[in-house]
């Protein structure tokens, strides 16, 4: 079963990278550019909380190599927020849909805000207001919608091979 989950994660991660490289430049709305990689990492961390941190690091590094931001910033954001979301989900141990939605919304918005702060701290040519309000807020909204679309798909793909619950 673990082998199947790993294959699903790798295929979905490759799809997220391809969408980021091919489709994201054409989906720009004002200053908001979708981040399929961050959306996938957060949705996957909530759908599969025991997924680990290697995939978020590699995907974040690929995003940094494709973009024009500081190298390693998105890798740090992906690792920290996927770890935080997955651990919070496991710690809360709640079977409702409310908690995953809150974690996805908080993870994507805070991830984009921290990435904006890292852009400022690394000396990128953006002001604080522009980085946080002009970019992080609209990108966070965009990424939240993408992650909320990805989450049920990833949760369903992860549950397809598991045995159904039996009530005795």
N, C-alpha and C. Protein backbone atom coordinates (compact mmCIF):
# COMPACT_ATOMS: atom_id res chain seq x y z
N UNK A 1 0.82 -1.19 0.00
CA UNK A 1 0.00 0.00 0.00
C UNK A 1 0.86 1.25 0.00
N UNK A 2 1.98 1.23 0.74
CA UNK A 2 2.88 2.38 0.81
C UNK A 2 3.50 2.66 -0.55
N UNK A 3 3.78 1.61 -1.30
CA UNK A 3 4.36 1.75 -2.63
C UNK A 3 3.39 2.48 -3.57
N UNK A 4 2.13 2.16 -3.47
CA UNK A 4 1.11 2.80 -4.31
C UNK A 4 0.98 4.29 -3.96
N UNK A 5 1.03 4.60 -2.68
CA UNK A 5 0.94 5.99 -2.24
C UNK A 5 2.14 6.80 -2.73
N UNK A 6 3.31 6.19 -2.72
CA UNK A 6 4.51 6.86 -3.22
C UNK A 6 4.40 7.14 -4.71
N UNK A 7 3.89 6.20 -5.47
CA UNK A 7 3.73 6.39 -6.91
C UNK A 7 2.73 7.51 -7.19
N UNK A 8 1.63 7.54 -6.46
CA UNK A 8 0.63 8.60 -6.64
C UNK A 8 1.23 9.96 -6.32
N UNK A 9 2.01 10.04 -5.24
CA UNK A 9 2.64 11.31 -4.87
C UNK A 9 3.62 11.77 -5.92
N UNK A 10 4.43 10.87 -6.45
CA UNK A 10 5.42 11.23 -7.46
C UNK A 10 4.74 11.68 -8.75
N UNK A 11 3.72 10.96 -9.18
CA UNK A 11 3.01 11.35 -10.41
C UNK A 11 2.33 12.70 -10.25
N UNK A 12 1.69 12.92 -9.11
CA UNK A 12 1.03 14.21 -8.87
C UNK A 12 2.04 15.34 -8.73
N UNK A 13 3.19 15.06 -8.14
CA UNK A 13 4.24 16.07 -8.02
C UNK A 13 4.79 16.45 -9.40
N UNK A 14 4.99 15.48 -10.25
CA UNK A 14 5.44 15.76 -11.62
C UNK A 14 4.40 16.57 -12.36
N UNK A 15 3.14 16.24 -12.16
CA UNK A 15 2.06 17.00 -12.78
C UNK A 15 2.04 18.44 -12.27
N UNK A 16 2.27 18.65 -10.98
CA UNK A 16 2.30 20.00 -10.42
C UNK A 16 3.45 20.81 -11.01
N UNK A 17 4.60 20.18 -11.18
CA UNK A 17 5.76 20.88 -11.78
C UNK A 17 5.46 21.23 -13.23
N UNK A 18 4.87 20.31 -13.96
CA UNK A 18 4.53 20.59 -15.37
C UNK A 18 3.49 21.70 -15.48
N UNK A 19 2.50 21.68 -14.61
CA UNK A 19 1.50 22.75 -14.62
C UNK A 19 2.14 24.09 -14.27
N UNK A 20 3.08 24.08 -13.33
CA UNK A 20 3.76 25.33 -12.96
C UNK A 20 4.60 25.86 -14.11
N UNK A 21 5.26 24.98 -14.82
CA UNK A 21 6.14 25.41 -15.90
C UNK A 21 5.38 25.78 -17.17
N UNK A 22 4.30 25.07 -17.46
CA UNK A 22 3.61 25.25 -18.74
C UNK A 22 2.38 26.14 -18.62
N UNK A 23 1.55 25.90 -17.62
CA UNK A 23 0.25 26.57 -17.55
C UNK A 23 0.25 27.85 -16.71
N UNK A 24 1.03 27.88 -15.64
CA UNK A 24 1.00 29.03 -14.72
C UNK A 24 1.31 30.37 -15.39
N UNK A 25 2.27 30.45 -16.32
CA UNK A 25 2.52 31.76 -16.94
C UNK A 25 1.33 32.31 -17.73
N UNK A 26 0.41 31.46 -18.12
CA UNK A 26 -0.75 31.90 -18.89
C UNK A 26 -1.98 32.14 -18.02
N UNK A 27 -1.87 31.87 -16.72
CA UNK A 27 -3.00 32.03 -15.80
C UNK A 27 -2.83 33.24 -14.88
N UNK A 28 -2.01 34.18 -15.27
CA UNK A 28 -1.73 35.36 -14.46
C UNK A 28 -2.96 36.26 -14.45
N UNK A 29 -3.37 36.66 -13.25
CA UNK A 29 -4.47 37.62 -13.08
C UNK A 29 -3.89 38.79 -12.28
N UNK A 30 -3.64 39.89 -12.95
CA UNK A 30 -3.02 41.04 -12.30
C UNK A 30 -1.64 40.66 -11.79
N UNK A 31 -1.37 40.90 -10.51
CA UNK A 31 -0.07 40.52 -9.97
C UNK A 31 -0.02 39.06 -9.48
N UNK A 32 -1.14 38.36 -9.53
CA UNK A 32 -1.23 37.01 -8.98
C UNK A 32 -0.84 35.96 -10.01
N UNK A 33 0.19 35.22 -9.68
CA UNK A 33 0.63 34.09 -10.49
C UNK A 33 0.36 32.83 -9.67
N UNK A 34 -0.32 31.85 -10.23
CA UNK A 34 -0.60 30.65 -9.43
C UNK A 34 0.67 29.88 -9.12
N UNK A 35 0.69 29.29 -7.95
CA UNK A 35 1.80 28.45 -7.53
C UNK A 35 1.26 27.05 -7.33
N UNK A 36 1.27 26.28 -8.41
CA UNK A 36 0.75 24.91 -8.36
C UNK A 36 1.57 24.05 -7.39
N UNK A 37 2.85 24.36 -7.26
CA UNK A 37 3.72 23.55 -6.41
C UNK A 37 3.36 23.75 -4.94
N UNK A 38 3.23 24.99 -4.50
CA UNK A 38 2.84 25.23 -3.10
C UNK A 38 1.45 24.67 -2.81
N UNK A 39 0.54 24.85 -3.75
CA UNK A 39 -0.81 24.32 -3.56
C UNK A 39 -0.79 22.81 -3.43
N UNK A 40 0.01 22.14 -4.27
CA UNK A 40 0.11 20.68 -4.19
C UNK A 40 0.75 20.25 -2.87
N UNK A 41 1.82 20.92 -2.48
CA UNK A 41 2.53 20.54 -1.25
C UNK A 41 1.62 20.66 -0.03
N UNK A 42 0.87 21.75 0.08
CA UNK A 42 -0.02 21.93 1.22
C UNK A 42 -1.18 20.94 1.16
N UNK A 43 -1.79 20.77 -0.01
CA UNK A 43 -2.91 19.83 -0.14
C UNK A 43 -2.46 18.40 0.14
N UNK A 44 -1.27 18.04 -0.33
CA UNK A 44 -0.75 16.69 -0.10
C UNK A 44 -0.41 16.48 1.37
N UNK A 45 0.10 17.50 2.03
CA UNK A 45 0.43 17.39 3.46
C UNK A 45 -0.82 17.17 4.30
N UNK A 46 -1.93 17.77 3.87
CA UNK A 46 -3.18 17.59 4.61
C UNK A 46 -3.86 16.28 4.22
N UNK A 47 -3.76 15.89 2.95
CA UNK A 47 -4.38 14.64 2.50
C UNK A 47 -3.61 13.42 3.01
N UNK A 48 -2.28 13.53 3.07
CA UNK A 48 -1.42 12.44 3.54
C UNK A 48 -0.45 13.00 4.57
N UNK A 49 -0.84 13.10 5.82
CA UNK A 49 0.01 13.76 6.81
C UNK A 49 1.32 13.04 7.13
N UNK A 50 1.47 11.81 6.72
CA UNK A 50 2.72 11.09 6.98
C UNK A 50 3.60 11.06 5.75
N UNK A 51 3.44 12.02 4.86
CA UNK A 51 4.15 12.02 3.59
C UNK A 51 5.63 12.35 3.65
N UNK A 52 6.09 13.05 4.67
CA UNK A 52 7.50 13.39 4.77
C UNK A 52 7.81 14.78 4.24
N UNK A 53 9.11 15.13 4.26
CA UNK A 53 9.52 16.46 3.85
C UNK A 53 10.46 16.47 2.66
N UNK A 54 10.79 15.33 2.11
CA UNK A 54 11.70 15.29 0.97
C UNK A 54 11.02 15.85 -0.27
N UNK A 55 9.81 15.41 -0.56
CA UNK A 55 9.09 15.91 -1.74
C UNK A 55 8.84 17.41 -1.67
N UNK A 56 8.40 17.97 -0.53
CA UNK A 56 8.23 19.42 -0.47
C UNK A 56 9.54 20.17 -0.72
N UNK A 57 10.65 19.66 -0.20
CA UNK A 57 11.94 20.32 -0.42
C UNK A 57 12.33 20.31 -1.89
N UNK A 58 12.21 19.15 -2.53
CA UNK A 58 12.58 19.04 -3.94
C UNK A 58 11.67 19.90 -4.81
N UNK A 59 10.37 19.87 -4.53
CA UNK A 59 9.43 20.67 -5.31
C UNK A 59 9.66 22.17 -5.11
N UNK A 60 9.93 22.58 -3.88
CA UNK A 60 10.23 23.98 -3.61
C UNK A 60 11.51 24.42 -4.31
N UNK A 61 12.50 23.55 -4.33
CA UNK A 61 13.75 23.87 -5.03
C UNK A 61 13.53 23.97 -6.53
N UNK A 62 12.69 23.10 -7.09
CA UNK A 62 12.36 23.21 -8.51
C UNK A 62 11.63 24.51 -8.81
N UNK A 63 10.74 24.93 -7.92
CA UNK A 63 10.06 26.21 -8.10
C UNK A 63 11.07 27.36 -8.10
N UNK A 64 12.03 27.31 -7.17
CA UNK A 64 13.05 28.34 -7.10
C UNK A 64 13.91 28.37 -8.36
N UNK A 65 14.20 27.22 -8.90
CA UNK A 65 15.01 27.17 -10.12
C UNK A 65 14.24 27.66 -11.34
N UNK A 66 12.91 27.49 -11.34
CA UNK A 66 12.10 27.96 -12.46
C UNK A 66 11.78 29.45 -12.37
N UNK A 67 11.77 30.00 -11.17
CA UNK A 67 11.35 31.38 -10.97
C UNK A 67 12.52 32.33 -10.89
N UNK A 68 12.22 33.54 -10.44
CA UNK A 68 13.26 34.55 -10.32
C UNK A 68 13.46 35.00 -8.88
N UNK A 69 12.95 34.24 -7.92
CA UNK A 69 13.10 34.57 -6.52
C UNK A 69 14.41 34.03 -5.98
N UNK A 70 14.65 34.24 -4.70
CA UNK A 70 15.88 33.74 -4.08
C UNK A 70 15.89 32.22 -4.02
N UNK A 71 17.03 31.65 -4.32
CA UNK A 71 17.17 30.20 -4.35
C UNK A 71 17.05 29.62 -2.94
N UNK A 72 16.14 28.70 -2.76
CA UNK A 72 15.93 28.04 -1.49
C UNK A 72 14.78 28.60 -0.68
N UNK A 73 14.26 29.75 -1.07
CA UNK A 73 13.18 30.37 -0.29
C UNK A 73 11.91 29.54 -0.36
N UNK A 74 11.49 29.17 -1.55
CA UNK A 74 10.26 28.37 -1.67
C UNK A 74 10.48 26.96 -1.13
N UNK A 75 11.70 26.45 -1.23
CA UNK A 75 11.99 25.14 -0.64
C UNK A 75 11.79 25.20 0.88
N UNK A 76 12.26 26.27 1.50
CA UNK A 76 12.06 26.45 2.94
C UNK A 76 10.59 26.59 3.28
N UNK A 77 9.87 27.39 2.51
CA UNK A 77 8.44 27.60 2.76
C UNK A 77 7.68 26.28 2.62
N UNK A 78 7.96 25.53 1.57
CA UNK A 78 7.26 24.26 1.34
C UNK A 78 7.53 23.26 2.47
N UNK A 79 8.77 23.16 2.90
CA UNK A 79 9.11 22.21 3.97
C UNK A 79 8.46 22.62 5.28
N UNK A 80 8.58 23.88 5.65
CA UNK A 80 8.06 24.34 6.94
C UNK A 80 6.54 24.21 6.99
N UNK A 81 5.86 24.67 5.94
CA UNK A 81 4.40 24.68 6.01
C UNK A 81 3.79 23.31 5.74
N UNK A 82 4.42 22.46 4.96
CA UNK A 82 3.89 21.09 4.82
C UNK A 82 4.07 20.33 6.12
N UNK A 83 5.21 20.52 6.77
CA UNK A 83 5.45 19.87 8.06
C UNK A 83 4.46 20.38 9.11
N UNK A 84 4.27 21.70 9.16
CA UNK A 84 3.36 22.28 10.15
C UNK A 84 1.92 21.83 9.92
N UNK A 85 1.48 21.84 8.67
CA UNK A 85 0.10 21.43 8.38
C UNK A 85 -0.13 19.95 8.70
N UNK A 86 0.82 19.11 8.33
CA UNK A 86 0.64 17.68 8.58
C UNK A 86 0.67 17.38 10.07
N UNK A 87 1.56 18.01 10.81
CA UNK A 87 1.63 17.75 12.26
C UNK A 87 0.42 18.32 12.98
N UNK A 88 -0.03 19.50 12.57
CA UNK A 88 -1.24 20.05 13.19
C UNK A 88 -2.45 19.16 12.93
N UNK A 89 -2.56 18.63 11.72
CA UNK A 89 -3.68 17.74 11.41
C UNK A 89 -3.62 16.49 12.27
N UNK A 90 -2.43 15.92 12.43
CA UNK A 90 -2.30 14.71 13.24
C UNK A 90 -2.52 15.02 14.72
N UNK A 91 -2.09 16.19 15.17
CA UNK A 91 -2.24 16.56 16.57
C UNK A 91 -3.71 16.85 16.91
N UNK A 92 -4.42 17.51 16.01
CA UNK A 92 -5.81 17.83 16.26
C UNK A 92 -6.71 16.60 16.20
N UNK A 93 -6.35 15.63 15.35
CA UNK A 93 -7.06 14.35 15.27
C UNK A 93 -8.57 14.54 15.17
N UNK A 94 -8.98 15.32 14.20
CA UNK A 94 -10.38 15.66 14.02
C UNK A 94 -10.83 15.11 12.67
N UNK A 95 -11.96 14.43 12.64
CA UNK A 95 -12.44 13.80 11.41
C UNK A 95 -13.34 14.70 10.57
N UNK A 96 -13.53 15.94 10.98
CA UNK A 96 -14.39 16.83 10.21
C UNK A 96 -13.63 17.40 9.02
N UNK A 97 -14.35 17.98 8.10
CA UNK A 97 -13.73 18.61 6.93
C UNK A 97 -13.27 20.03 7.23
N UNK A 98 -13.73 20.60 8.33
CA UNK A 98 -13.40 21.97 8.69
C UNK A 98 -11.90 22.15 8.95
N UNK A 99 -11.31 21.25 9.69
CA UNK A 99 -9.89 21.38 10.06
C UNK A 99 -8.98 21.31 8.84
N UNK A 100 -9.14 20.36 7.91
CA UNK A 100 -8.29 20.39 6.71
C UNK A 100 -8.45 21.67 5.89
N UNK A 101 -9.67 22.19 5.79
CA UNK A 101 -9.88 23.42 5.03
C UNK A 101 -9.18 24.58 5.71
N UNK A 102 -9.27 24.68 7.03
CA UNK A 102 -8.59 25.75 7.75
C UNK A 102 -7.08 25.64 7.59
N UNK A 103 -6.56 24.42 7.67
CA UNK A 103 -5.11 24.23 7.51
C UNK A 103 -4.65 24.58 6.11
N UNK A 104 -5.44 24.24 5.10
CA UNK A 104 -5.07 24.57 3.72
C UNK A 104 -5.08 26.08 3.52
N UNK A 105 -6.13 26.74 3.99
CA UNK A 105 -6.22 28.20 3.83
C UNK A 105 -5.08 28.89 4.57
N UNK A 106 -4.85 28.50 5.82
CA UNK A 106 -3.79 29.12 6.61
C UNK A 106 -2.41 28.81 6.02
N UNK A 107 -2.21 27.57 5.60
CA UNK A 107 -0.91 27.18 5.05
C UNK A 107 -0.55 27.91 3.77
N UNK A 108 -1.51 28.07 2.88
CA UNK A 108 -1.19 28.74 1.61
C UNK A 108 -1.03 30.24 1.81
N UNK A 109 -1.92 30.85 2.59
CA UNK A 109 -1.78 32.30 2.81
C UNK A 109 -0.50 32.62 3.57
N UNK A 110 -0.23 31.89 4.64
CA UNK A 110 0.99 32.15 5.40
C UNK A 110 2.24 31.79 4.60
N UNK A 111 2.16 30.73 3.79
CA UNK A 111 3.28 30.37 2.94
C UNK A 111 3.63 31.46 1.95
N UNK A 112 2.62 32.03 1.32
CA UNK A 112 2.87 33.13 0.39
C UNK A 112 3.36 34.37 1.12
N UNK A 113 2.86 34.63 2.32
CA UNK A 113 3.32 35.80 3.09
C UNK A 113 4.78 35.63 3.51
N UNK A 114 5.14 34.45 3.97
CA UNK A 114 6.53 34.19 4.37
C UNK A 114 7.44 34.25 3.15
N UNK A 115 6.97 33.78 2.02
CA UNK A 115 7.79 33.88 0.80
C UNK A 115 8.00 35.35 0.43
N UNK A 116 6.97 36.19 0.60
CA UNK A 116 7.13 37.62 0.35
C UNK A 116 8.13 38.24 1.30
N UNK A 117 8.09 37.84 2.57
CA UNK A 117 9.05 38.34 3.55
C UNK A 117 10.46 37.90 3.19
N UNK A 118 10.60 36.65 2.75
CA UNK A 118 11.92 36.16 2.34
C UNK A 118 12.44 36.90 1.11
N UNK A 119 11.54 37.28 0.21
CA UNK A 119 11.97 38.06 -0.95
C UNK A 119 12.52 39.41 -0.51
N UNK A 120 11.86 40.03 0.45
CA UNK A 120 12.34 41.32 0.97
C UNK A 120 13.68 41.12 1.70
N UNK A 121 13.77 40.08 2.54
CA UNK A 121 14.98 39.86 3.33
C UNK A 121 16.18 39.50 2.46
N UNK A 122 15.94 38.89 1.32
CA UNK A 122 17.05 38.50 0.43
C UNK A 122 17.43 39.60 -0.54
N UNK A 123 16.84 40.76 -0.39
CA UNK A 123 17.26 41.90 -1.19
C UNK A 123 16.63 42.00 -2.57
N UNK A 124 15.49 41.35 -2.77
CA UNK A 124 14.80 41.49 -4.05
C UNK A 124 14.31 42.93 -4.18
N UNK A 125 14.14 43.38 -5.39
CA UNK A 125 13.77 44.77 -5.65
C UNK A 125 12.26 44.95 -5.55
N UNK A 126 11.71 44.71 -4.36
CA UNK A 126 10.29 44.94 -4.09
C UNK A 126 10.15 45.60 -2.73
N UNK A 127 9.16 46.44 -2.60
CA UNK A 127 8.89 47.06 -1.31
C UNK A 127 8.08 46.13 -0.43
N UNK A 128 8.04 46.44 0.85
CA UNK A 128 7.32 45.59 1.80
C UNK A 128 5.83 45.55 1.50
N UNK A 129 5.26 46.70 1.21
CA UNK A 129 3.83 46.75 0.92
C UNK A 129 3.51 46.01 -0.38
N UNK A 130 4.35 46.19 -1.38
CA UNK A 130 4.13 45.51 -2.65
C UNK A 130 4.27 43.99 -2.51
N UNK A 131 5.26 43.55 -1.75
CA UNK A 131 5.50 42.12 -1.59
C UNK A 131 4.38 41.44 -0.82
N UNK A 132 3.90 42.10 0.23
CA UNK A 132 2.90 41.45 1.08
C UNK A 132 1.47 41.66 0.60
N UNK A 133 1.13 42.89 0.25
CA UNK A 133 -0.25 43.17 -0.14
C UNK A 133 -0.45 43.00 -1.64
N UNK A 134 0.53 43.43 -2.42
CA UNK A 134 0.39 43.38 -3.87
C UNK A 134 0.64 42.02 -4.49
N UNK A 135 1.44 41.20 -3.82
CA UNK A 135 1.75 39.88 -4.38
C UNK A 135 1.29 38.73 -3.51
N UNK A 136 1.64 38.77 -2.23
CA UNK A 136 1.35 37.63 -1.35
C UNK A 136 -0.15 37.42 -1.14
N UNK A 137 -0.89 38.48 -0.97
CA UNK A 137 -2.33 38.35 -0.74
C UNK A 137 -3.07 37.79 -1.96
N UNK A 138 -2.89 38.37 -3.18
CA UNK A 138 -3.59 37.76 -4.33
C UNK A 138 -3.06 36.37 -4.69
N UNK A 139 -1.77 36.16 -4.54
CA UNK A 139 -1.22 34.83 -4.82
C UNK A 139 -1.71 33.81 -3.80
N UNK A 140 -1.84 34.25 -2.54
CA UNK A 140 -2.36 33.37 -1.51
C UNK A 140 -3.79 32.94 -1.79
N UNK A 141 -4.59 33.89 -2.27
CA UNK A 141 -5.97 33.56 -2.64
C UNK A 141 -6.00 32.57 -3.80
N UNK A 142 -5.18 32.83 -4.80
CA UNK A 142 -5.10 31.95 -5.96
C UNK A 142 -4.65 30.54 -5.54
N UNK A 143 -3.59 30.48 -4.73
CA UNK A 143 -3.06 29.19 -4.30
C UNK A 143 -4.02 28.44 -3.38
N UNK A 144 -4.78 29.18 -2.59
CA UNK A 144 -5.77 28.54 -1.72
C UNK A 144 -6.85 27.86 -2.55
N UNK A 145 -7.32 28.53 -3.57
CA UNK A 145 -8.34 27.93 -4.44
C UNK A 145 -7.78 26.68 -5.12
N UNK A 146 -6.54 26.76 -5.61
CA UNK A 146 -5.93 25.59 -6.25
C UNK A 146 -5.77 24.43 -5.26
N UNK A 147 -5.32 24.73 -4.05
CA UNK A 147 -5.14 23.68 -3.05
C UNK A 147 -6.46 23.06 -2.62
N UNK A 148 -7.51 23.90 -2.53
CA UNK A 148 -8.82 23.37 -2.16
C UNK A 148 -9.40 22.50 -3.28
N UNK A 149 -9.01 22.74 -4.51
CA UNK A 149 -9.42 21.87 -5.61
C UNK A 149 -8.61 20.58 -5.59
N UNK A 150 -7.31 20.67 -5.28
CA UNK A 150 -6.44 19.50 -5.27
C UNK A 150 -6.71 18.57 -4.10
N UNK A 151 -7.09 19.13 -2.95
CA UNK A 151 -7.22 18.31 -1.74
C UNK A 151 -8.18 17.13 -1.88
N UNK A 152 -9.43 17.32 -2.35
CA UNK A 152 -10.29 16.14 -2.46
C UNK A 152 -9.79 15.13 -3.47
N UNK A 153 -9.13 15.61 -4.52
CA UNK A 153 -8.58 14.69 -5.50
C UNK A 153 -7.46 13.85 -4.89
N UNK A 154 -6.56 14.49 -4.16
CA UNK A 154 -5.46 13.76 -3.53
C UNK A 154 -5.98 12.84 -2.43
N UNK A 155 -6.95 13.29 -1.67
CA UNK A 155 -7.51 12.44 -0.62
C UNK A 155 -8.20 11.22 -1.22
N UNK A 156 -8.89 11.42 -2.32
CA UNK A 156 -9.57 10.30 -2.98
C UNK A 156 -8.57 9.34 -3.59
N UNK A 157 -7.54 9.86 -4.23
CA UNK A 157 -6.52 8.99 -4.81
C UNK A 157 -5.80 8.19 -3.73
N UNK A 158 -5.58 8.79 -2.58
CA UNK A 158 -4.93 8.09 -1.49
C UNK A 158 -5.80 7.04 -0.85
N UNK A 159 -7.11 7.22 -0.89
CA UNK A 159 -8.03 6.29 -0.24
C UNK A 159 -8.51 5.19 -1.17
N UNK A 160 -8.18 5.26 -2.46
CA UNK A 160 -8.72 4.28 -3.41
C UNK A 160 -8.25 2.87 -3.13
N UNK A 161 -7.01 2.71 -2.68
CA UNK A 161 -6.50 1.37 -2.46
C UNK A 161 -6.74 0.83 -1.06
N UNK A 162 -7.25 1.64 -0.17
CA UNK A 162 -7.43 1.19 1.21
C UNK A 162 -8.72 0.37 1.34
N UNK A 163 -8.70 -0.48 2.33
CA UNK A 163 -9.87 -1.33 2.56
C UNK A 163 -11.00 -0.50 3.16
N UNK A 164 -12.23 -0.79 2.78
CA UNK A 164 -13.34 -0.02 3.36
C UNK A 164 -13.52 -0.37 4.84
N UNK A 165 -14.04 0.58 5.59
CA UNK A 165 -14.30 0.35 7.01
C UNK A 165 -15.48 -0.62 7.17
N UNK A 166 -15.34 -1.50 8.13
CA UNK A 166 -16.42 -2.46 8.40
C UNK A 166 -16.92 -2.23 9.81
N UNK A 167 -18.21 -2.03 9.91
CA UNK A 167 -18.83 -1.84 11.21
C UNK A 167 -19.42 -3.15 11.66
N UNK A 168 -19.04 -3.59 12.86
CA UNK A 168 -19.54 -4.89 13.36
C UNK A 168 -20.56 -4.70 14.40
